[in-house]
Amino acid sequence: MAHLKVTVPENSQNILGTVTINAPLEKVFEAYTKEELFANWWCRGNPMKVYHFDCKDGGCWHIAERSEDGDEYEFTGCFHEVAKDERIVQTFEFLGMSERGHVMLEKAEFIAINEHTTEIRTHSTAMSQEDRDGMIASGMESGWRQSVEALGKLLELDN
């Protein structure tokens, strides 16, 4: 089981998220950093094409999600820091915008609540408040929630 709480502070470029998941920290971190696991949950559990996934400091990623209605959505980013079982700092960009450059910087911290529960605290910062508000208006929270649910199901199968 997984739970997501999203906070969108007023007059800010930030989106804050807290994911609580019933799985050991090491398993959760692996699901974020191993391509074969990541590909099974990140895009709401929808089919994903992985063009590139190099999860290390300085590595980059590029994926495409095929939604239930057949549309394809591409995303890309670069990893600035991957600290095993602690934190991931990366950029995130949706390639479906009319112009490039609407990049978010995201820091995800992984915290063991106990041996069976992990909390992921995510702090995402957009280039502007307008970009942040556009992400929220696009349905980002709903998609994030669906991805967290898919992550929870994936990790339940692994326990």
Protein backbone atom coordinates (compact mmCIF):
# COMPACT_ATOMS: atom_id res chain seq x y z
CA MET A 1 0.00 0.00 0.00
CA ALA A 2 1.19 3.53 -0.78
CA HIS A 3 -0.11 6.96 0.15
CA LEU A 4 0.68 10.36 -1.42
CA LYS A 5 0.19 13.80 0.12
CA VAL A 6 0.79 16.79 -2.19
CA THR A 7 1.21 20.38 -1.00
CA VAL A 8 1.22 23.32 -3.41
CA PRO A 9 2.34 26.40 -1.43
CA GLU A 10 0.78 29.73 -2.43
CA ASN A 11 2.99 32.31 -4.16
CA SER A 12 5.69 29.72 -4.79
CA GLN A 13 7.33 27.75 -7.57
CA ASN A 14 7.35 24.59 -5.42
CA ILE A 15 5.42 21.34 -5.24
CA LEU A 16 5.97 19.25 -2.12
CA GLY A 17 5.09 15.59 -1.93
CA THR A 18 5.25 12.94 0.74
CA VAL A 19 4.88 9.29 -0.22
CA THR A 20 4.47 6.68 2.51
CA ILE A 21 4.87 3.14 1.26
CA ASN A 22 4.77 -0.25 2.98
CA ALA A 23 8.13 -1.54 1.79
CA PRO A 24 11.72 -1.49 3.03
CA LEU A 25 13.80 1.54 2.06
CA GLU A 26 16.25 -0.51 -0.04
CA LYS A 27 13.43 -1.97 -2.16
CA VAL A 28 11.83 1.46 -2.68
CA PHE A 29 15.15 3.01 -3.72
CA GLU A 30 15.76 0.15 -6.17
CA ALA A 31 12.34 0.77 -7.73
CA TYR A 32 13.45 4.35 -8.44
CA THR A 33 16.92 3.52 -9.73
CA LYS A 34 16.72 0.20 -11.62
CA GLU A 35 15.37 0.59 -15.14
CA GLU A 36 13.47 -2.71 -15.19
CA LEU A 37 11.59 -1.77 -11.99
CA PHE A 38 11.16 1.93 -12.80
CA ALA A 39 9.56 1.04 -16.14
CA ASN A 40 6.82 -0.90 -14.34
CA TRP A 41 5.42 1.90 -12.19
CA TRP A 42 6.54 5.43 -13.05
CA CYS A 43 4.08 6.16 -15.88
CA ARG A 44 1.00 5.35 -13.80
CA GLY A 45 1.70 1.70 -14.53
CA ASN A 46 0.99 2.30 -18.24
CA PRO A 47 3.30 0.84 -20.89
CA MET A 48 6.56 2.76 -21.05
CA LYS A 49 9.25 2.93 -23.70
CA VAL A 50 12.67 3.61 -22.20
CA TYR A 51 14.92 5.40 -24.67
CA HIS A 52 17.65 5.97 -22.08
CA PHE A 53 17.97 5.41 -18.32
CA ASP A 54 21.38 5.98 -16.74
CA CYS A 55 20.66 6.42 -13.04
CA LYS A 56 23.95 7.80 -11.69
CA ASP A 57 25.44 11.20 -10.94
CA GLY A 58 25.48 13.01 -14.29
CA GLY A 59 23.36 10.36 -16.03
CA CYS A 60 20.23 11.17 -18.03
CA TRP A 61 16.89 9.56 -18.76
CA HIS A 62 14.31 9.77 -21.57
CA ILE A 63 11.07 7.80 -21.53
CA ALA A 64 7.69 7.75 -23.27
CA GLU A 65 4.39 6.71 -21.71
CA ARG A 66 1.58 5.22 -23.78
CA SER A 67 -1.68 6.15 -22.09
CA GLU A 68 -4.84 4.04 -22.04
CA ASP A 69 -6.28 6.15 -24.89
CA GLY A 70 -3.19 5.46 -27.05
CA ASP A 71 -1.54 8.87 -26.73
CA GLU A 72 2.19 9.02 -26.13
CA TYR A 73 3.81 11.41 -23.65
CA GLU A 74 7.58 11.90 -23.50
CA PHE A 75 9.62 12.99 -20.48
CA THR A 76 13.33 13.58 -19.98
CA GLY A 77 15.76 14.67 -17.30
CA CYS A 78 19.25 14.37 -15.84
CA PHE A 79 20.42 13.00 -12.52
CA HIS A 80 22.47 15.50 -10.53
CA GLU A 81 22.95 13.24 -7.51
CA VAL A 82 22.09 9.63 -6.76
CA ALA A 83 23.02 8.86 -3.13
CA LYS A 84 22.17 5.19 -2.52
CA ASP A 85 19.20 4.70 -0.18
CA GLU A 86 19.25 8.42 0.73
CA ARG A 87 18.38 10.85 -2.04
CA ILE A 88 17.97 11.52 -5.75
CA VAL A 89 18.31 15.00 -7.24
CA GLN A 90 17.21 15.27 -10.87
CA THR A 91 15.61 17.46 -13.49
CA PHE A 92 12.26 16.66 -15.08
CA GLU A 93 10.78 17.97 -18.32
CA PHE A 94 7.58 17.06 -20.16
CA LEU A 95 8.38 17.18 -23.89
CA GLY A 96 4.77 17.81 -24.95
CA MET A 97 4.93 21.55 -24.27
CA SER A 98 4.80 23.97 -27.21
CA GLU A 99 8.31 25.13 -26.29
CA ARG A 100 11.18 23.51 -24.41
CA GLY A 101 12.69 24.82 -21.18
CA HIS A 102 9.87 24.20 -18.69
CA VAL A 103 12.20 22.17 -16.48
CA MET A 104 11.66 21.24 -12.85
CA LEU A 105 14.39 20.43 -10.33
CA GLU A 106 13.36 17.65 -7.96
CA LYS A 107 14.96 16.36 -4.77
CA ALA A 108 13.58 13.10 -3.36
CA GLU A 109 14.76 12.03 0.09
CA PHE A 110 14.23 8.42 1.19
CA ILE A 111 13.62 7.84 4.91
CA ALA A 112 13.14 4.50 6.67
CA ILE A 113 10.25 4.94 9.11
CA ASN A 114 10.78 1.35 10.25
CA GLU A 115 12.03 -1.83 8.56
CA HIS A 116 8.77 -2.21 6.58
CA THR A 117 7.80 1.42 5.86
CA THR A 118 9.55 4.09 3.80
CA GLU A 119 8.76 7.76 3.38
CA ILE A 120 9.84 9.69 0.30
CA ARG A 121 9.87 13.48 0.71
CA THR A 122 9.90 15.23 -2.64
CA HIS A 123 10.60 18.92 -3.21
CA SER A 124 10.11 20.03 -6.83
CA THR A 125 10.87 23.57 -8.02
CA ALA A 126 9.66 24.92 -11.36
CA MET A 127 11.31 27.70 -13.37
CA SER A 128 8.36 29.99 -12.55
CA GLN A 129 5.11 29.97 -10.62
CA GLU A 130 3.29 29.88 -13.97
CA ASP A 131 5.17 26.70 -14.94
CA ARG A 132 4.35 25.15 -11.57
CA ASP A 133 0.67 26.07 -11.89
CA GLY A 134 0.63 24.68 -15.44
CA MET A 135 1.99 21.35 -14.19
CA ILE A 136 -0.71 21.16 -11.54
CA ALA A 137 -3.44 22.15 -14.05
CA SER A 138 -2.26 19.43 -16.47
CA GLY A 139 -3.26 16.71 -14.01
CA MET A 140 0.19 16.07 -12.56
CA GLU A 141 -1.15 15.25 -9.10
CA SER A 142 -3.54 12.63 -10.45
CA GLY A 143 -0.79 11.04 -12.56
CA TRP A 144 1.61 11.10 -9.60
CA ARG A 145 -1.01 9.43 -7.41
CA GLN A 146 -1.56 6.70 -10.02
CA SER A 147 2.20 6.14 -10.27
CA VAL A 148 2.50 5.85 -6.48
CA GLU A 149 -0.33 3.28 -6.48
CA ALA A 150 1.47 1.32 -9.23
CA LEU A 151 4.70 1.49 -7.17
CA GLY A 152 2.85 0.15 -4.13
CA LYS A 153 1.47 -2.77 -6.14
CA LEU A 154 4.88 -3.55 -7.63
CA LEU A 155 6.53 -3.62 -4.22
CA GLU A 156 3.72 -5.73 -2.71
CA LEU A 157 4.47 -8.38 -5.34
CA ASP A 158 8.13 -8.28 -4.35
CA ASN A 159 7.50 -8.76 -0.59
